[in-house]
Structures are given as structure tokens and as C-alpha cells.
């Protein structure tokens, strides 16, 4: 069952994270980190959402995003 959309107000900070189950690595090679940074840059270019901070770790990543307007967070590609 798909998750219902969340309301995301603008001018607030949102902590977004992704992890892989079972403590399995999400990034296995150095090139995986570079590819993730490229995808993050492309998402930023498409949406112009403010990326306050990010942290890429072997089995998960964290983003701190700050949308300018209501609903902008849901425009970021998954």
C-alpha cells in the first residue's frame, strides 16, 4: 500500500534519510558516493530546493532540506 503524501510547509528544515535493511552497504565502491552526489546535484537543479547539509555513509545517507514554499519537498525525485 503506498504511503499517503505528507504536507510539507515551506521555510522549515526536514531531515530525510535512506538506509538499507540488515545493515547491508548502500555504497560499496567510491564511485557509488560520487554517483549519489551527482544525482543530488541533478535533483537540486530540477527543483532548486535548498540543501542545507548531507552525509553519505556506507549503509545510509542523511539530507537536511529546506523547501522555500509549501509542497516543494514532494517535488524532489525519489
PDB file of N, CA and C in Angstrom:
ATOM      1  N   UNK A   1       0.846  -1.165   0.000  1.00  0.00           N
ATOM      2  CA  UNK A   1       0.000   0.000   0.000  1.00  0.00           C
ATOM      3  C   UNK A   1       0.897   1.236   0.000  1.00  0.00           C
ATOM      4  N   UNK A   2       0.693   2.165  -0.922  1.00  0.00           N
ATOM      5  CA  UNK A   2       1.528   3.359  -0.970  1.00  0.00           C
ATOM      6  C   UNK A   2       1.271   4.257   0.243  1.00  0.00           C
ATOM      7  N   UNK A   3       2.316   4.942   0.622  1.00  0.00           N
ATOM      8  CA  UNK A   3       2.213   5.891   1.728  1.00  0.00           C
ATOM      9  C   UNK A   3       1.480   7.146   1.269  1.00  0.00           C
ATOM     10  N   UNK A   4       0.622   7.672   2.120  1.00  0.00           N
ATOM     11  CA  UNK A   4      -0.079   8.910   1.785  1.00  0.00           C
ATOM     12  C   UNK A   4       0.905  10.072   1.778  1.00  0.00           C
ATOM     13  N   UNK A   5       0.662  11.039   0.910  1.00  0.00           N
ATOM     14  CA  UNK A   5       1.521  12.216   0.828  1.00  0.00           C
ATOM     15  C   UNK A   5       1.481  12.985   2.138  1.00  0.00           C
ATOM     16  N   UNK A   6       2.616  13.523   2.502  1.00  0.00           N
ATOM     17  CA  UNK A   6       2.699  14.344   3.699  1.00  0.00           C
ATOM     18  C   UNK A   6       2.686  15.811   3.319  1.00  0.00           C
ATOM     19  N   UNK A   7       2.118  16.605   4.159  1.00  0.00           N
ATOM     20  CA  UNK A   7       2.130  18.045   3.954  1.00  0.00           C
ATOM     21  C   UNK A   7       3.482  18.568   4.398  1.00  0.00           C
ATOM     22  N   UNK A   8       4.168  19.293   3.570  1.00  0.00           N
ATOM     23  CA  UNK A   8       5.489  19.820   3.899  1.00  0.00           C
ATOM     24  C   UNK A   8       5.474  21.329   3.697  1.00  0.00           C
ATOM     25  N   UNK A   9       5.421  22.051   4.802  1.00  0.00           N
ATOM     26  CA  UNK A   9       5.395  23.508   4.746  1.00  0.00           C
ATOM     27  C   UNK A   9       6.756  24.054   4.339  1.00  0.00           C
ATOM     28  N   UNK A  10       6.736  25.187   3.665  1.00  0.00           N
ATOM     29  CA  UNK A  10       7.965  25.854   3.263  1.00  0.00           C
ATOM     30  C   UNK A  10       8.625  26.550   4.444  1.00  0.00           C
ATOM     31  N   UNK A  11       9.883  26.933   4.255  1.00  0.00           N
ATOM     32  CA  UNK A  11      10.679  27.642   5.255  1.00  0.00           C
ATOM     33  C   UNK A  11      10.871  26.866   6.551  1.00  0.00           C
ATOM     34  N   UNK A  12      10.841  25.552   6.471  1.00  0.00           N
ATOM     35  CA  UNK A  12      11.178  24.692   7.593  1.00  0.00           C
ATOM     36  C   UNK A  12      12.278  23.740   7.130  1.00  0.00           C
ATOM     37  N   UNK A  13      12.986  23.143   8.059  1.00  0.00           N
ATOM     38  CA  UNK A  13      14.028  22.177   7.715  1.00  0.00           C
ATOM     39  C   UNK A  13      13.480  20.768   7.899  1.00  0.00           C
ATOM     40  N   UNK A  14      13.830  19.875   6.977  1.00  0.00           N
ATOM     41  CA  UNK A  14      13.373  18.490   7.009  1.00  0.00           C
ATOM     42  C   UNK A  14      14.571  17.550   6.947  1.00  0.00           C
ATOM     43  N   UNK A  15      14.592  16.593   7.855  1.00  0.00           N
ATOM     44  CA  UNK A  15      15.623  15.566   7.869  1.00  0.00           C
ATOM     45  C   UNK A  15      15.098  14.388   7.058  1.00  0.00           C
ATOM     46  N   UNK A  16      15.797  14.045   5.995  1.00  0.00           N
ATOM     47  CA  UNK A  16      15.402  12.951   5.108  1.00  0.00           C
ATOM     48  C   UNK A  16      16.530  11.924   5.154  1.00  0.00           C
ATOM     49  N   UNK A  17      16.168  10.654   5.281  1.00  0.00           N
ATOM     50  CA  UNK A  17      17.212   9.644   5.309  1.00  0.00           C
ATOM     51  C   UNK A  17      16.789   8.403   4.545  1.00  0.00           C
ATOM     52  N   UNK A  18      17.774   7.644   4.150  1.00  0.00           N
ATOM     53  CA  UNK A  18      17.563   6.391   3.430  1.00  0.00           C
ATOM     54  C   UNK A  18      18.592   5.414   3.948  1.00  0.00           C
ATOM     55  N   UNK A  19      18.132   4.220   4.316  1.00  0.00           N
ATOM     56  CA  UNK A  19      19.074   3.198   4.744  1.00  0.00           C
ATOM     57  C   UNK A  19      18.692   1.870   4.116  1.00  0.00           C
ATOM     58  N   UNK A  20      19.628   1.007   4.088  1.00  0.00           N
ATOM     59  CA  UNK A  20      19.411  -0.323   3.545  1.00  0.00           C
ATOM     60  C   UNK A  20      19.230  -1.277   4.718  1.00  0.00           C
ATOM     61  N   UNK A  21      18.292  -2.161   4.619  1.00  0.00           N
ATOM     62  CA  UNK A  21      17.998  -3.083   5.700  1.00  0.00           C
ATOM     63  C   UNK A  21      19.126  -4.057   5.982  1.00  0.00           C
ATOM     64  N   UNK A  22      19.100  -4.615   7.162  1.00  0.00           N
ATOM     65  CA  UNK A  22      20.075  -5.627   7.539  1.00  0.00           C
ATOM     66  C   UNK A  22      21.495  -5.128   7.648  1.00  0.00           C
ATOM     67  N   UNK A  23      21.644  -3.825   7.796  1.00  0.00           N
ATOM     68  CA  UNK A  23      22.988  -3.211   7.872  1.00  0.00           C
ATOM     69  C   UNK A  23      23.853  -3.532   6.654  1.00  0.00           C
ATOM     70  N   UNK A  24      23.202  -3.823   5.551  1.00  0.00           N
ATOM     71  CA  UNK A  24      23.941  -4.072   4.308  1.00  0.00           C
ATOM     72  C   UNK A  24      24.408  -2.747   3.725  1.00  0.00           C
ATOM     73  N   UNK A  25      25.536  -2.753   3.015  1.00  0.00           N
ATOM     74  CA  UNK A  25      26.054  -1.495   2.468  1.00  0.00           C
ATOM     75  C   UNK A  25      25.177  -0.944   1.352  1.00  0.00           C
ATOM     76  N   UNK A  26      24.971   0.345   1.399  1.00  0.00           N
ATOM     77  CA  UNK A  26      24.272   1.060   0.340  1.00  0.00           C
ATOM     78  C   UNK A  26      25.293   1.519  -0.711  1.00  0.00           C
ATOM     79  N   UNK A  27      26.470   1.862  -0.230  1.00  0.00           N
ATOM     80  CA  UNK A  27      27.580   2.276  -1.092  1.00  0.00           C
ATOM     81  C   UNK A  27      28.684   1.240  -0.948  1.00  0.00           C
ATOM     82  N   UNK A  28      29.066   0.638  -2.050  1.00  0.00           N
ATOM     83  CA  UNK A  28      30.077  -0.417  -1.984  1.00  0.00           C
ATOM     84  C   UNK A  28      31.421   0.002  -2.549  1.00  0.00           C
ATOM     85  N   UNK A  29      31.418   1.018  -3.415  1.00  0.00           N
ATOM     86  CA  UNK A  29      32.657   1.484  -4.037  1.00  0.00           C
ATOM     87  C   UNK A  29      32.700   3.005  -3.964  1.00  0.00           C
ATOM     88  N   UNK A  30      33.897   3.594  -4.021  1.00  0.00           N
ATOM     89  CA  UNK A  30      33.994   5.051  -4.008  1.00  0.00           C
ATOM     90  C   UNK A  30      33.155   5.720  -5.109  1.00  0.00           C
ATOM     91  N   UNK A  31      33.030   5.070  -6.248  1.00  0.00           N
ATOM     92  CA  UNK A  31      32.248   5.639  -7.349  1.00  0.00           C
ATOM     93  C   UNK A  31      30.764   5.749  -6.986  1.00  0.00           C
ATOM     94  N   UNK A  32      30.297   4.901  -6.086  1.00  0.00           N
ATOM     95  CA  UNK A  32      28.896   4.972  -5.650  1.00  0.00           C
ATOM     96  C   UNK A  32      28.607   6.289  -4.942  1.00  0.00           C
ATOM     97  N   UNK A  33      29.564   6.775  -4.148  1.00  0.00           N
ATOM     98  CA  UNK A  33      29.401   8.051  -3.459  1.00  0.00           C
ATOM     99  C   UNK A  33      29.333   9.190  -4.482  1.00  0.00           C
ATOM    100  N   UNK A  34      30.217   9.157  -5.460  1.00  0.00           N
ATOM    101  CA  UNK A  34      30.233  10.196  -6.498  1.00  0.00           C
ATOM    102  C   UNK A  34      28.938  10.183  -7.297  1.00  0.00           C
ATOM    103  N   UNK A  35      28.418   9.004  -7.601  1.00  0.00           N
ATOM    104  CA  UNK A  35      27.159   8.905  -8.346  1.00  0.00           C
ATOM    105  C   UNK A  35      26.012   9.489  -7.527  1.00  0.00           C
ATOM    106  N   UNK A  36      26.008   9.260  -6.237  1.00  0.00           N
ATOM    107  CA  UNK A  36      24.950   9.815  -5.377  1.00  0.00           C
ATOM    108  C   UNK A  36      25.030  11.328  -5.318  1.00  0.00           C
ATOM    109  N   UNK A  37      26.228  11.868  -5.253  1.00  0.00           N
ATOM    110  CA  UNK A  37      26.388  13.329  -5.256  1.00  0.00           C
ATOM    111  C   UNK A  37      25.922  13.921  -6.581  1.00  0.00           C
ATOM    112  N   UNK A  38      26.160  13.219  -7.672  1.00  0.00           N
ATOM    113  CA  UNK A  38      25.697  13.690  -8.980  1.00  0.00           C
ATOM    114  C   UNK A  38      24.165  13.703  -9.030  1.00  0.00           C
ATOM    115  N   UNK A  39      23.535  12.656  -8.537  1.00  0.00           N
ATOM    116  CA  UNK A  39      22.066  12.588  -8.503  1.00  0.00           C
ATOM    117  C   UNK A  39      21.508  13.696  -7.622  1.00  0.00           C
ATOM    118  N   UNK A  40      22.153  13.947  -6.497  1.00  0.00           N
ATOM    119  CA  UNK A  40      21.721  15.015  -5.597  1.00  0.00           C
ATOM    120  C   UNK A  40      21.820  16.379  -6.290  1.00  0.00           C
ATOM    121  N   UNK A  41      22.892  16.605  -7.022  1.00  0.00           N
ATOM    122  CA  UNK A  41      23.059  17.865  -7.762  1.00  0.00           C
ATOM    123  C   UNK A  41      21.995  18.010  -8.850  1.00  0.00           C
ATOM    124  N   UNK A  42      21.668  16.913  -9.530  1.00  0.00           N
ATOM    125  CA  UNK A  42      20.630  16.957 -10.566  1.00  0.00           C
ATOM    126  C   UNK A  42      19.264  17.258  -9.958  1.00  0.00           C
ATOM    127  N   UNK A  43      18.957  16.646  -8.818  1.00  0.00           N
ATOM    128  CA  UNK A  43      17.684  16.914  -8.142  1.00  0.00           C
ATOM    129  C   UNK A  43      17.613  18.366  -7.707  1.00  0.00           C
ATOM    130  N   UNK A  44      18.729  18.900  -7.235  1.00  0.00           N
ATOM    131  CA  UNK A  44      18.769  20.309  -6.839  1.00  0.00           C
ATOM    132  C   UNK A  44      18.538  21.218  -8.038  1.00  0.00           C
ATOM    133  N   UNK A  45      19.149  20.895  -9.160  1.00  0.00           N
ATOM    134  CA  UNK A  45      18.989  21.716 -10.365  1.00  0.00           C
ATOM    135  C   UNK A  45      17.542  21.705 -10.869  1.00  0.00           C
ATOM    136  N   UNK A  46      16.858  20.571 -10.725  1.00  0.00           N
ATOM    137  CA  UNK A  46      15.472  20.460 -11.185  1.00  0.00           C
ATOM    138  C   UNK A  46      14.497  21.185 -10.277  1.00  0.00           C
ATOM    139  N   UNK A  47      14.731  21.144  -8.975  1.00  0.00           N
ATOM    140  CA  UNK A  47      13.743  21.668  -8.027  1.00  0.00           C
ATOM    141  C   UNK A  47      14.170  22.957  -7.352  1.00  0.00           C
ATOM    142  N   UNK A  48      15.467  23.210  -7.270  1.00  0.00           N
ATOM    143  CA  UNK A  48      16.027  24.376  -6.589  1.00  0.00           C
ATOM    144  C   UNK A  48      15.753  24.370  -5.084  1.00  0.00           C
ATOM    145  N   UNK A  49      15.438  23.192  -4.534  1.00  0.00           N
ATOM    146  CA  UNK A  49      15.247  23.090  -3.089  1.00  0.00           C
ATOM    147  C   UNK A  49      16.587  23.362  -2.397  1.00  0.00           C
ATOM    148  N   UNK A  50      16.548  23.975  -1.247  1.00  0.00           N
ATOM    149  CA  UNK A  50      17.784  24.274  -0.523  1.00  0.00           C
ATOM    150  C   UNK A  50      18.286  23.005   0.171  1.00  0.00           C
ATOM    151  N   UNK A  51      19.514  22.642  -0.138  1.00  0.00           N
ATOM    152  CA  UNK A  51      20.174  21.522   0.519  1.00  0.00           C
ATOM    153  C   UNK A  51      21.082  22.138   1.576  1.00  0.00           C
ATOM    154  N   UNK A  52      20.686  22.013   2.816  1.00  0.00           N
ATOM    155  CA  UNK A  52      21.431  22.623   3.909  1.00  0.00           C
ATOM    156  C   UNK A  52      22.667  21.789   4.229  1.00  0.00           C
ATOM    157  N   UNK A  53      22.489  20.474   4.280  1.00  0.00           N
ATOM    158  CA  UNK A  53      23.605  19.574   4.583  1.00  0.00           C
ATOM    159  C   UNK A  53      23.264  18.177   4.081  1.00  0.00           C
ATOM    160  N   UNK A  54      24.303  17.380   3.868  1.00  0.00           N
ATOM    161  CA  UNK A  54      24.094  15.974   3.550  1.00  0.00           C
ATOM    162  C   UNK A  54      25.262  15.176   4.087  1.00  0.00           C
ATOM    163  N   UNK A  55      25.015  13.902   4.339  1.00  0.00           N
ATOM    164  CA  UNK A  55      26.054  12.997   4.833  1.00  0.00           C
ATOM    165  C   UNK A  55      25.817  11.630   4.196  1.00  0.00           C
ATOM    166  N   UNK A  56      26.806  11.155   3.468  1.00  0.00           N
ATOM    167  CA  UNK A  56      26.737   9.833   2.842  1.00  0.00           C
ATOM    168  C   UNK A  56      27.596   8.884   3.661  1.00  0.00           C
ATOM    169  N   UNK A  57      26.989   7.796   4.116  1.00  0.00           N
ATOM    170  CA  UNK A  57      27.695   6.814   4.926  1.00  0.00           C
ATOM    171  C   UNK A  57      27.556   5.449   4.254  1.00  0.00           C
ATOM    172  N   UNK A  58      28.368   4.477   4.612  1.00  0.00           N
ATOM    173  CA  UNK A  58      28.354   3.210   3.877  1.00  0.00           C
ATOM    174  C   UNK A  58      26.980   2.543   3.742  1.00  0.00           C
ATOM    175  N   UNK A  59      26.141   2.597   4.775  1.00  0.00           N
ATOM    176  CA  UNK A  59      24.862   1.893   4.667  1.00  0.00           C
ATOM    177  C   UNK A  59      23.644   2.810   4.739  1.00  0.00           C
ATOM    178  N   UNK A  60      23.848   4.131   4.713  1.00  0.00           N
ATOM    179  CA  UNK A  60      22.721   5.062   4.702  1.00  0.00           C
ATOM    180  C   UNK A  60      23.190   6.471   4.356  1.00  0.00           C
ATOM    181  N   UNK A  61      22.210   7.349   4.115  1.00  0.00           N
ATOM    182  CA  UNK A  61      22.528   8.753   3.908  1.00  0.00           C
ATOM    183  C   UNK A  61      21.508   9.632   4.622  1.00  0.00           C
ATOM    184  N   UNK A  62      21.912  10.869   4.892  1.00  0.00           N
ATOM    185  CA  UNK A  62      21.056  11.865   5.525  1.00  0.00           C
ATOM    186  C   UNK A  62      21.076  13.127   4.668  1.00  0.00           C
ATOM    187  N   UNK A  63      19.930  13.772   4.559  1.00  0.00           N
ATOM    188  CA  UNK A  63      19.826  15.088   3.926  1.00  0.00           C
ATOM    189  C   UNK A  63      19.109  16.022   4.882  1.00  0.00           C
ATOM    190  N   UNK A  64      19.508  17.272   4.899  1.00  0.00           N
ATOM    191  CA  UNK A  64      18.764  18.305   5.594  1.00  0.00           C
ATOM    192  C   UNK A  64      18.315  19.277   4.507  1.00  0.00           C
ATOM    193  N   UNK A  65      17.013  19.256   4.221  1.00  0.00           N
ATOM    194  CA  UNK A  65      16.441  20.051   3.139  1.00  0.00           C
ATOM    195  C   UNK A  65      15.563  21.143   3.704  1.00  0.00           C
ATOM    196  N   UNK A  66      15.537  22.277   3.021  1.00  0.00           N
ATOM    197  CA  UNK A  66      14.711  23.394   3.448  1.00  0.00           C
ATOM    198  C   UNK A  66      13.954  23.954   2.235  1.00  0.00           C
ATOM    199  N   UNK A  67      12.718  23.488   2.020  1.00  0.00           N
ATOM    200  CA  UNK A  67      11.944  23.990   0.883  1.00  0.00           C
ATOM    201  C   UNK A  67      11.576  25.461   1.075  1.00  0.00           C
ATOM    202  N   UNK A  68      11.518  26.184  -0.016  1.00  0.00           N
ATOM    203  CA  UNK A  68      11.154  27.601   0.042  1.00  0.00           C
ATOM    204  C   UNK A  68       9.642  27.795   0.164  1.00  0.00           C
ATOM    205  N   UNK A  69       8.873  26.881  -0.443  1.00  0.00           N
ATOM    206  CA  UNK A  69       7.419  27.029  -0.458  1.00  0.00           C
ATOM    207  C   UNK A  69       6.748  25.722  -0.068  1.00  0.00           C
ATOM    208  N   UNK A  70       5.491  25.812   0.323  1.00  0.00           N
ATOM    209  CA  UNK A  70       4.713  24.631   0.671  1.00  0.00           C
ATOM    210  C   UNK A  70       4.689  23.665  -0.521  1.00  0.00           C
ATOM    211  N   UNK A  71       4.857  22.395  -0.253  1.00  0.00           N
ATOM    212  CA  UNK A  71       4.770  21.372  -1.292  1.00  0.00           C
ATOM    213  C   UNK A  71       6.038  21.137  -2.088  1.00  0.00           C
ATOM    214  N   UNK A  72       7.039  21.986  -1.938  1.00  0.00           N
ATOM    215  CA  UNK A  72       8.262  21.850  -2.736  1.00  0.00           C
ATOM    216  C   UNK A  72       9.026  20.563  -2.404  1.00  0.00           C
ATOM    217  N   UNK A  73       8.923  20.108  -1.174  1.00  0.00           N
ATOM    218  CA  UNK A  73       9.633  18.893  -0.780  1.00  0.00           C
ATOM    219  C   UNK A  73       9.152  17.682  -1.577  1.00  0.00           C
ATOM    220  N   UNK A  74       7.879  17.619  -1.886  1.00  0.00           N
ATOM    221  CA  UNK A  74       7.354  16.463  -2.624  1.00  0.00           C
ATOM    222  C   UNK A  74       7.754  16.494  -4.097  1.00  0.00           C
ATOM    223  N   UNK A  75       8.304  17.577  -4.579  1.00  0.00           N
ATOM    224  CA  UNK A  75       8.761  17.674  -5.970  1.00  0.00           C
ATOM    225  C   UNK A  75      10.136  17.050  -6.181  1.00  0.00           C
ATOM    226  N   UNK A  76      10.845  16.762  -5.090  1.00  0.00           N
ATOM    227  CA  UNK A  76      12.190  16.184  -5.201  1.00  0.00           C
ATOM    228  C   UNK A  76      12.061  14.748  -5.664  1.00  0.00           C
ATOM    229  N   UNK A  77      12.768  14.363  -6.724  1.00  0.00           N
ATOM    230  CA  UNK A  77      12.675  12.982  -7.227  1.00  0.00           C
ATOM    231  C   UNK A  77      13.119  11.980  -6.170  1.00  0.00           C
ATOM    232  N   UNK A  78      12.520  10.795  -6.211  1.00  0.00           N
ATOM    233  CA  UNK A  78      12.889   9.744  -5.251  1.00  0.00           C
ATOM    234  C   UNK A  78      13.856   8.775  -5.866  1.00  0.00           C
TER     235      UNK A  78
END
